[in-house]
C-alpha cells in the first residue's frame, strides 16, 4: 500500500467519524422533542433517563471531536508497510 493510499483510507475513517458525530447531533435533536413530550405527560423518570443518555452522547461526541482534531492533521499517524516480509520460523 502506498503512502497516498494509506492517507486516503485514513481520511475516509475521519469522514466516517464525522458522520457518526452528525448522527449523534440528530439524535440529540430528537431527544429534545422526546423530553418535551415526556414533560407534557409528567414522566419524570423517563425524562431523567433521557437526560442521562444526552449527557453520555455529548461526552462521546466531544471525545470523538477531540480525537479527530488531534490526529487528522498529524502526518505521522500512518503505519509503514514493507513490501516484503521475511518468513516466520515456526
PDB file of N, CA and C in Angstrom:
ATOM      1  N   UNK A   1       0.853  -1.171   0.000  1.00  0.00           N
ATOM      2  CA  UNK A   1       0.000   0.000   0.000  1.00  0.00           C
ATOM      3  C   UNK A   1       0.896   1.229   0.000  1.00  0.00           C
ATOM      4  N   UNK A   2       0.594   2.148  -0.877  1.00  0.00           N
ATOM      5  CA  UNK A   2       1.384   3.368  -0.958  1.00  0.00           C
ATOM      6  C   UNK A   2       0.988   4.316   0.167  1.00  0.00           C
ATOM      7  N   UNK A   3       1.835   5.287   0.379  1.00  0.00           N
ATOM      8  CA  UNK A   3       1.540   6.274   1.419  1.00  0.00           C
ATOM      9  C   UNK A   3       0.274   7.055   1.070  1.00  0.00           C
ATOM     10  N   UNK A   4       0.081   7.314  -0.211  1.00  0.00           N
ATOM     11  CA  UNK A   4      -1.124   8.018  -0.654  1.00  0.00           C
ATOM     12  C   UNK A   4      -2.374   7.193  -0.349  1.00  0.00           C
ATOM     13  N   UNK A   5      -2.320   5.891  -0.629  1.00  0.00           N
ATOM     14  CA  UNK A   5      -3.467   5.019  -0.341  1.00  0.00           C
ATOM     15  C   UNK A   5      -3.761   4.976   1.153  1.00  0.00           C
ATOM     16  N   UNK A   6      -2.715   4.915   1.951  1.00  0.00           N
ATOM     17  CA  UNK A   6      -2.901   4.902   3.405  1.00  0.00           C
ATOM     18  C   UNK A   6      -3.520   6.207   3.879  1.00  0.00           C
ATOM     19  N   UNK A   7      -3.085   7.320   3.297  1.00  0.00           N
ATOM     20  CA  UNK A   7      -3.637   8.625   3.666  1.00  0.00           C
ATOM     21  C   UNK A   7      -5.107   8.712   3.289  1.00  0.00           C
ATOM     22  N   UNK A   8      -5.444   8.214   2.110  1.00  0.00           N
ATOM     23  CA  UNK A   8      -6.841   8.238   1.668  1.00  0.00           C
ATOM     24  C   UNK A   8      -7.708   7.399   2.602  1.00  0.00           C
ATOM     25  N   UNK A   9      -7.248   6.226   2.970  1.00  0.00           N
ATOM     26  CA  UNK A   9      -8.014   5.378   3.879  1.00  0.00           C
ATOM     27  C   UNK A   9      -8.198   6.056   5.229  1.00  0.00           C
ATOM     28  N   UNK A  10      -7.168   6.711   5.694  1.00  0.00           N
ATOM     29  CA  UNK A  10      -7.257   7.413   6.971  1.00  0.00           C
ATOM     30  C   UNK A  10      -8.258   8.559   6.872  1.00  0.00           C
ATOM     31  N   UNK A  11      -8.237   9.286   5.766  1.00  0.00           N
ATOM     32  CA  UNK A  11      -9.203  10.372   5.562  1.00  0.00           C
ATOM     33  C   UNK A  11     -10.630   9.833   5.528  1.00  0.00           C
ATOM     34  N   UNK A  12     -10.812   8.661   4.940  1.00  0.00           N
ATOM     35  CA  UNK A  12     -12.145   8.050   4.909  1.00  0.00           C
ATOM     36  C   UNK A  12     -12.617   7.711   6.318  1.00  0.00           C
ATOM     37  N   UNK A  13     -11.709   7.294   7.154  1.00  0.00           N
ATOM     38  CA  UNK A  13     -12.074   6.976   8.538  1.00  0.00           C
ATOM     39  C   UNK A  13     -12.481   8.231   9.299  1.00  0.00           C
ATOM     40  N   UNK A  14     -11.772   9.329   9.074  1.00  0.00           N
ATOM     41  CA  UNK A  14     -12.158  10.583   9.727  1.00  0.00           C
ATOM     42  C   UNK A  14     -13.519  11.050   9.211  1.00  0.00           C
ATOM     43  N   UNK A  15     -13.777  10.862   7.920  1.00  0.00           N
ATOM     44  CA  UNK A  15     -15.088  11.225   7.361  1.00  0.00           C
ATOM     45  C   UNK A  15     -16.189  10.381   8.000  1.00  0.00           C
ATOM     46  N   UNK A  16     -15.908   9.109   8.214  1.00  0.00           N
ATOM     47  CA  UNK A  16     -16.878   8.233   8.866  1.00  0.00           C
ATOM     48  C   UNK A  16     -17.138   8.685  10.305  1.00  0.00           C
ATOM     49  N   UNK A  17     -16.092   9.083  11.002  1.00  0.00           N
ATOM     50  CA  UNK A  17     -16.274   9.593  12.368  1.00  0.00           C
ATOM     51  C   UNK A  17     -17.128  10.854  12.366  1.00  0.00           C
ATOM     52  N   UNK A  18     -16.944  11.708  11.367  1.00  0.00           N
ATOM     53  CA  UNK A  18     -17.776  12.918  11.269  1.00  0.00           C
ATOM     54  C   UNK A  18     -19.242  12.558  11.021  1.00  0.00           C
ATOM     55  N   UNK A  19     -19.477  11.511  10.243  1.00  0.00           N
ATOM     56  CA  UNK A  19     -20.849  11.055  10.013  1.00  0.00           C
ATOM     57  C   UNK A  19     -21.470  10.546  11.311  1.00  0.00           C
ATOM     58  N   UNK A  20     -20.686   9.854  12.112  1.00  0.00           N
ATOM     59  CA  UNK A  20     -21.169   9.368  13.406  1.00  0.00           C
ATOM     60  C   UNK A  20     -21.542  10.550  14.294  1.00  0.00           C
ATOM     61  N   UNK A  21     -20.687  11.561  14.324  1.00  0.00           N
ATOM     62  CA  UNK A  21     -20.962  12.756  15.131  1.00  0.00           C
ATOM     63  C   UNK A  21     -22.234  13.438  14.639  1.00  0.00           C
ATOM     64  N   UNK A  22     -22.401  13.533  13.330  1.00  0.00           N
ATOM     65  CA  UNK A  22     -23.609  14.155  12.773  1.00  0.00           C
ATOM     66  C   UNK A  22     -24.860  13.372  13.170  1.00  0.00           C
ATOM     67  N   UNK A  23     -24.765  12.051  13.172  1.00  0.00           N
ATOM     68  CA  UNK A  23     -25.930  11.250  13.577  1.00  0.00           C
ATOM     69  C   UNK A  23     -26.232  11.439  15.059  1.00  0.00           C
ATOM     70  N   UNK A  24     -25.191  11.627  15.866  1.00  0.00           N
ATOM     71  CA  UNK A  24     -25.417  11.922  17.286  1.00  0.00           C
ATOM     72  C   UNK A  24     -26.110  13.272  17.453  1.00  0.00           C
ATOM     73  N   UNK A  25     -25.734  14.248  16.644  1.00  0.00           N
ATOM     74  CA  UNK A  25     -26.392  15.564  16.722  1.00  0.00           C
ATOM     75  C   UNK A  25     -27.882  15.450  16.386  1.00  0.00           C
ATOM     76  N   UNK A  26     -28.190  14.660  15.373  1.00  0.00           N
ATOM     77  CA  UNK A  26     -29.596  14.437  15.009  1.00  0.00           C
ATOM     78  C   UNK A  26     -30.330  13.758  16.158  1.00  0.00           C
ATOM     79  N   UNK A  27     -29.687  12.778  16.765  1.00  0.00           N
ATOM     80  CA  UNK A  27     -30.307  12.076  17.903  1.00  0.00           C
ATOM     81  C   UNK A  27     -30.568  13.042  19.055  1.00  0.00           C
ATOM     82  N   UNK A  28     -29.657  13.957  19.308  1.00  0.00           N
ATOM     83  CA  UNK A  28     -29.861  14.934  20.384  1.00  0.00           C
ATOM     84  C   UNK A  28     -31.070  15.821  20.093  1.00  0.00           C
ATOM     85  N   UNK A  29     -31.250  16.199  18.840  1.00  0.00           N
ATOM     86  CA  UNK A  29     -32.426  16.999  18.478  1.00  0.00           C
ATOM     87  C   UNK A  29     -33.712  16.209  18.699  1.00  0.00           C
ATOM     88  N   UNK A  30     -33.687  14.941  18.335  1.00  0.00           N
ATOM     89  CA  UNK A  30     -34.856  14.091  18.559  1.00  0.00           C
ATOM     90  C   UNK A  30     -35.151  13.958  20.049  1.00  0.00           C
ATOM     91  N   UNK A  31     -34.088  13.841  20.833  1.00  0.00           N
ATOM     92  CA  UNK A  31     -34.260  13.688  22.275  1.00  0.00           C
ATOM     93  C   UNK A  31     -34.893  14.931  22.894  1.00  0.00           C
ATOM     94  N   UNK A  32     -34.567  16.097  22.369  1.00  0.00           N
ATOM     95  CA  UNK A  32     -35.184  17.326  22.877  1.00  0.00           C
ATOM     96  C   UNK A  32     -36.698  17.272  22.697  1.00  0.00           C
ATOM     97  N   UNK A  33     -37.135  16.795  21.552  1.00  0.00           N
ATOM     98  CA  UNK A  33     -38.572  16.668  21.297  1.00  0.00           C
ATOM     99  C   UNK A  33     -39.195  15.620  22.218  1.00  0.00           C
ATOM    100  N   UNK A  34     -38.468  14.528  22.447  1.00  0.00           N
ATOM    101  CA  UNK A  34     -38.962  13.486  23.342  1.00  0.00           C
ATOM    102  C   UNK A  34     -39.149  14.024  24.757  1.00  0.00           C
ATOM    103  N   UNK A  35     -38.197  14.832  25.213  1.00  0.00           N
ATOM    104  CA  UNK A  35     -38.279  15.385  26.563  1.00  0.00           C
ATOM    105  C   UNK A  35     -39.506  16.280  26.690  1.00  0.00           C
ATOM    106  N   UNK A  36     -39.784  17.070  25.677  1.00  0.00           N
ATOM    107  CA  UNK A  36     -40.975  17.932  25.711  1.00  0.00           C
ATOM    108  C   UNK A  36     -42.238  17.076  25.825  1.00  0.00           C
ATOM    109  N   UNK A  37     -42.296  16.002  25.053  1.00  0.00           N
ATOM    110  CA  UNK A  37     -43.459  15.108  25.118  1.00  0.00           C
ATOM    111  C   UNK A  37     -43.558  14.438  26.486  1.00  0.00           C
ATOM    112  N   UNK A  38     -42.425  14.001  27.007  1.00  0.00           N
ATOM    113  CA  UNK A  38     -42.425  13.359  28.322  1.00  0.00           C
ATOM    114  C   UNK A  38     -42.834  14.341  29.412  1.00  0.00           C
ATOM    115  N   UNK A  39     -42.397  15.576  29.271  1.00  0.00           N
ATOM    116  CA  UNK A  39     -42.747  16.599  30.255  1.00  0.00           C
ATOM    117  C   UNK A  39     -44.251  16.854  30.246  1.00  0.00           C
ATOM    118  N   UNK A  40     -44.834  16.851  29.057  1.00  0.00           N
ATOM    119  CA  UNK A  40     -46.280  17.113  28.962  1.00  0.00           C
ATOM    120  C   UNK A  40     -47.105  16.000  29.607  1.00  0.00           C
ATOM    121  N   UNK A  41     -46.537  14.797  29.684  1.00  0.00           N
ATOM    122  CA  UNK A  41     -47.241  13.682  30.331  1.00  0.00           C
ATOM    123  C   UNK A  41     -46.700  13.397  31.728  1.00  0.00           C
ATOM    124  N   UNK A  42     -45.824  14.274  32.211  1.00  0.00           N
ATOM    125  CA  UNK A  42     -45.291  14.207  33.578  1.00  0.00           C
ATOM    126  C   UNK A  42     -44.562  12.890  33.874  1.00  0.00           C
ATOM    127  N   UNK A  43     -43.756  12.435  32.934  1.00  0.00           N
ATOM    128  CA  UNK A  43     -42.984  11.201  33.107  1.00  0.00           C
ATOM    129  C   UNK A  43     -41.560  11.559  33.538  1.00  0.00           C
ATOM    130  N   UNK A  44     -41.418  11.874  34.803  1.00  0.00           N
ATOM    131  CA  UNK A  44     -40.148  12.391  35.316  1.00  0.00           C
ATOM    132  C   UNK A  44     -39.012  11.374  35.248  1.00  0.00           C
ATOM    133  N   UNK A  45     -39.292  10.113  35.518  1.00  0.00           N
ATOM    134  CA  UNK A  45     -38.219   9.117  35.467  1.00  0.00           C
ATOM    135  C   UNK A  45     -37.709   8.934  34.036  1.00  0.00           C
ATOM    136  N   UNK A  46     -38.608   8.998  33.067  1.00  0.00           N
ATOM    137  CA  UNK A  46     -38.193   8.883  31.664  1.00  0.00           C
ATOM    138  C   UNK A  46     -37.388  10.106  31.238  1.00  0.00           C
ATOM    139  N   UNK A  47     -37.767  11.275  31.743  1.00  0.00           N
ATOM    140  CA  UNK A  47     -37.011  12.497  31.452  1.00  0.00           C
ATOM    141  C   UNK A  47     -35.606  12.375  32.015  1.00  0.00           C
ATOM    142  N   UNK A  48     -35.504  11.861  33.236  1.00  0.00           N
ATOM    143  CA  UNK A  48     -34.196  11.686  33.870  1.00  0.00           C
ATOM    144  C   UNK A  48     -33.321  10.729  33.058  1.00  0.00           C
ATOM    145  N   UNK A  49     -33.900   9.629  32.608  1.00  0.00           N
ATOM    146  CA  UNK A  49     -33.150   8.665  31.795  1.00  0.00           C
ATOM    147  C   UNK A  49     -32.705   9.296  30.480  1.00  0.00           C
ATOM    148  N   UNK A  50     -33.577  10.083  29.888  1.00  0.00           N
ATOM    149  CA  UNK A  50     -33.262  10.751  28.624  1.00  0.00           C
ATOM    150  C   UNK A  50     -32.120  11.755  28.814  1.00  0.00           C
ATOM    151  N   UNK A  51     -32.143  12.474  29.911  1.00  0.00           N
ATOM    152  CA  UNK A  51     -31.080  13.448  30.180  1.00  0.00           C
ATOM    153  C   UNK A  51     -29.740  12.746  30.426  1.00  0.00           C
ATOM    154  N   UNK A  52     -29.778  11.604  31.098  1.00  0.00           N
ATOM    155  CA  UNK A  52     -28.550  10.826  31.286  1.00  0.00           C
ATOM    156  C   UNK A  52     -27.978  10.359  29.964  1.00  0.00           C
ATOM    157  N   UNK A  53     -28.853   9.909  29.078  1.00  0.00           N
ATOM    158  CA  UNK A  53     -28.427   9.481  27.744  1.00  0.00           C
ATOM    159  C   UNK A  53     -27.861  10.657  26.955  1.00  0.00           C
ATOM    160  N   UNK A  54     -28.480  11.812  27.098  1.00  0.00           N
ATOM    161  CA  UNK A  54     -27.984  13.011  26.411  1.00  0.00           C
ATOM    162  C   UNK A  54     -26.568  13.338  26.880  1.00  0.00           C
ATOM    163  N   UNK A  55     -26.334  13.285  28.176  1.00  0.00           N
ATOM    164  CA  UNK A  55     -25.003  13.580  28.706  1.00  0.00           C
ATOM    165  C   UNK A  55     -23.973  12.589  28.179  1.00  0.00           C
ATOM    166  N   UNK A  56     -24.355  11.315  28.093  1.00  0.00           N
ATOM    167  CA  UNK A  56     -23.439  10.292  27.579  1.00  0.00           C
ATOM    168  C   UNK A  56     -23.093  10.571  26.115  1.00  0.00           C
ATOM    169  N   UNK A  57     -24.091  10.928  25.320  1.00  0.00           N
ATOM    170  CA  UNK A  57     -23.867  11.212  23.899  1.00  0.00           C
ATOM    171  C   UNK A  57     -22.988  12.449  23.727  1.00  0.00           C
ATOM    172  N   UNK A  58     -23.236  13.480  24.514  1.00  0.00           N
ATOM    173  CA  UNK A  58     -22.434  14.710  24.416  1.00  0.00           C
ATOM    174  C   UNK A  58     -20.979  14.419  24.771  1.00  0.00           C
ATOM    175  N   UNK A  59     -20.751  13.632  25.823  1.00  0.00           N
ATOM    176  CA  UNK A  59     -19.370  13.275  26.190  1.00  0.00           C
ATOM    177  C   UNK A  59     -18.694  12.507  25.061  1.00  0.00           C
ATOM    178  N   UNK A  60     -19.411  11.561  24.487  1.00  0.00           N
ATOM    179  CA  UNK A  60     -18.854  10.768  23.388  1.00  0.00           C
ATOM    180  C   UNK A  60     -18.548  11.638  22.176  1.00  0.00           C
ATOM    181  N   UNK A  61     -19.460  12.535  21.836  1.00  0.00           N
ATOM    182  CA  UNK A  61     -19.221  13.453  20.716  1.00  0.00           C
ATOM    183  C   UNK A  61     -17.977  14.299  20.958  1.00  0.00           C
ATOM    184  N   UNK A  62     -17.844  14.818  22.171  1.00  0.00           N
ATOM    185  CA  UNK A  62     -16.676  15.643  22.492  1.00  0.00           C
ATOM    186  C   UNK A  62     -15.389  14.846  22.352  1.00  0.00           C
ATOM    187  N   UNK A  63     -15.403  13.600  22.821  1.00  0.00           N
ATOM    188  CA  UNK A  63     -14.198  12.768  22.710  1.00  0.00           C
ATOM    189  C   UNK A  63     -13.862  12.469  21.252  1.00  0.00           C
ATOM    190  N   UNK A  64     -14.872  12.191  20.443  1.00  0.00           N
ATOM    191  CA  UNK A  64     -14.628  11.933  19.020  1.00  0.00           C
ATOM    192  C   UNK A  64     -14.100  13.175  18.315  1.00  0.00           C
ATOM    193  N   UNK A  65     -14.670  14.332  18.625  1.00  0.00           N
ATOM    194  CA  UNK A  65     -14.202  15.579  18.015  1.00  0.00           C
ATOM    195  C   UNK A  65     -12.765  15.883  18.426  1.00  0.00           C
ATOM    196  N   UNK A  66     -12.428  15.643  19.681  1.00  0.00           N
ATOM    197  CA  UNK A  66     -11.051  15.858  20.135  1.00  0.00           C
ATOM    198  C   UNK A  66     -10.102  14.906  19.423  1.00  0.00           C
ATOM    199  N   UNK A  67     -10.519  13.650  19.263  1.00  0.00           N
ATOM    200  CA  UNK A  67      -9.692  12.664  18.571  1.00  0.00           C
ATOM    201  C   UNK A  67      -9.414  13.105  17.135  1.00  0.00           C
ATOM    202  N   UNK A  68     -10.461  13.527  16.444  1.00  0.00           N
ATOM    203  CA  UNK A  68     -10.297  13.984  15.060  1.00  0.00           C
ATOM    204  C   UNK A  68      -9.364  15.182  15.009  1.00  0.00           C
ATOM    205  N   UNK A  69      -9.588  16.139  15.886  1.00  0.00           N
ATOM    206  CA  UNK A  69      -8.756  17.344  15.904  1.00  0.00           C
ATOM    207  C   UNK A  69      -7.294  16.997  16.182  1.00  0.00           C
ATOM    208  N   UNK A  70      -7.067  16.070  17.090  1.00  0.00           N
ATOM    209  CA  UNK A  70      -5.699  15.714  17.467  1.00  0.00           C
ATOM    210  C   UNK A  70      -4.973  14.970  16.351  1.00  0.00           C
ATOM    211  N   UNK A  71      -5.654  14.059  15.665  1.00  0.00           N
ATOM    212  CA  UNK A  71      -4.960  13.165  14.759  1.00  0.00           C
ATOM    213  C   UNK A  71      -5.142  13.444  13.273  1.00  0.00           C
ATOM    214  N   UNK A  72      -6.154  14.209  12.898  1.00  0.00           N
ATOM    215  CA  UNK A  72      -6.426  14.365  11.471  1.00  0.00           C
ATOM    216  C   UNK A  72      -5.277  15.028  10.715  1.00  0.00           C
ATOM    217  N   UNK A  73      -4.692  16.040  11.257  1.00  0.00           N
ATOM    218  CA  UNK A  73      -3.630  16.754  10.547  1.00  0.00           C
ATOM    219  C   UNK A  73      -2.235  16.290  10.933  1.00  0.00           C
ATOM    220  N   UNK A  74      -2.152  15.267  11.736  1.00  0.00           N
ATOM    221  CA  UNK A  74      -0.862  14.729  12.136  1.00  0.00           C
ATOM    222  C   UNK A  74      -0.342  13.841  11.010  1.00  0.00           C
ATOM    223  N   UNK A  75       0.758  14.231  10.419  1.00  0.00           N
ATOM    224  CA  UNK A  75       1.282  13.490   9.267  1.00  0.00           C
ATOM    225  C   UNK A  75       1.990  12.206   9.673  1.00  0.00           C
ATOM    226  N   UNK A  76       2.190  11.998  10.951  1.00  0.00           N
ATOM    227  CA  UNK A  76       2.946  10.838  11.406  1.00  0.00           C
ATOM    228  C   UNK A  76       2.031   9.786  12.029  1.00  0.00           C
ATOM    229  N   UNK A  77       0.861   9.554  11.435  1.00  0.00           N
ATOM    230  CA  UNK A  77      -0.063   8.589  12.012  1.00  0.00           C
ATOM    231  C   UNK A  77      -0.120   7.282  11.230  1.00  0.00           C
ATOM    232  N   UNK A  78       0.514   7.234  10.092  1.00  0.00           N
ATOM    233  CA  UNK A  78       0.430   6.041   9.264  1.00  0.00           C
ATOM    234  C   UNK A  78       1.332   4.922   9.749  1.00  0.00           C
ATOM    235  N   UNK A  79       1.086   3.758   9.224  1.00  0.00           N
ATOM    236  CA  UNK A  79       1.904   2.587   9.506  1.00  0.00           C
ATOM    237  C   UNK A  79       2.705   2.304   8.250  1.00  0.00           C
ATOM    238  N   UNK A  80       3.982   2.119   8.413  1.00  0.00           N
ATOM    239  CA  UNK A  80       4.832   1.829   7.267  1.00  0.00           C
ATOM    240  C   UNK A  80       4.719   0.345   6.959  1.00  0.00           C
ATOM    241  N   UNK A  81       4.341   0.038   5.743  1.00  0.00           N
ATOM    242  CA  UNK A  81       4.216  -1.348   5.319  1.00  0.00           C
ATOM    243  C   UNK A  81       5.415  -1.690   4.451  1.00  0.00           C
ATOM    244  N   UNK A  82       6.104  -2.737   4.804  1.00  0.00           N
ATOM    245  CA  UNK A  82       7.232  -3.164   4.000  1.00  0.00           C
ATOM    246  C   UNK A  82       6.710  -3.995   2.836  1.00  0.00           C
ATOM    247  N   UNK A  83       7.418  -3.923   1.722  1.00  0.00           N
ATOM    248  CA  UNK A  83       6.960  -4.647   0.540  1.00  0.00           C
ATOM    249  C   UNK A  83       7.172  -6.146   0.679  1.00  0.00           C
ATOM    250  N   UNK A  84       8.182  -6.562   1.413  1.00  0.00           N
ATOM    251  CA  UNK A  84       8.451  -7.990   1.593  1.00  0.00           C
ATOM    252  C   UNK A  84       8.487  -8.291   3.080  1.00  0.00           C
ATOM    253  N   UNK A  85       8.012  -9.446   3.404  1.00  0.00           N
ATOM    254  CA  UNK A  85       8.095  -9.902   4.788  1.00  0.00           C
ATOM    255  C   UNK A  85       8.927 -11.170   4.809  1.00  0.00           C
ATOM    256  N   UNK A  86       9.703 -11.277   5.849  1.00  0.00           N
ATOM    257  CA  UNK A  86      10.504 -12.485   5.992  1.00  0.00           C
ATOM    258  C   UNK A  86       9.624 -13.596   6.540  1.00  0.00           C
ATOM    259  N   UNK A  87       9.818 -14.818   6.077  1.00  0.00           N
ATOM    260  CA  UNK A  87       9.005 -15.924   6.592  1.00  0.00           C
ATOM    261  C   UNK A  87       9.308 -16.173   8.071  1.00  0.00           C
ATOM    262  N   UNK A  88       8.281 -16.562   8.776  1.00  0.00           N
ATOM    263  CA  UNK A  88       8.441 -16.868  10.192  1.00  0.00           C
ATOM    264  C   UNK A  88       8.977 -18.277  10.350  1.00  0.00           C
ATOM    265  N   UNK A  89       9.899 -18.449  11.260  1.00  0.00           N
ATOM    266  CA  UNK A  89      10.421 -19.777  11.569  1.00  0.00           C
ATOM    267  C   UNK A  89       9.598 -20.356  12.708  1.00  0.00           C
ATOM    268  N   UNK A  90       8.753 -21.279  12.381  1.00  0.00           N
ATOM    269  CA  UNK A  90       7.907 -21.864  13.431  1.00  0.00           C
ATOM    270  C   UNK A  90       8.275 -23.280  13.720  1.00  0.00           C
TER     271      UNK A  90
END
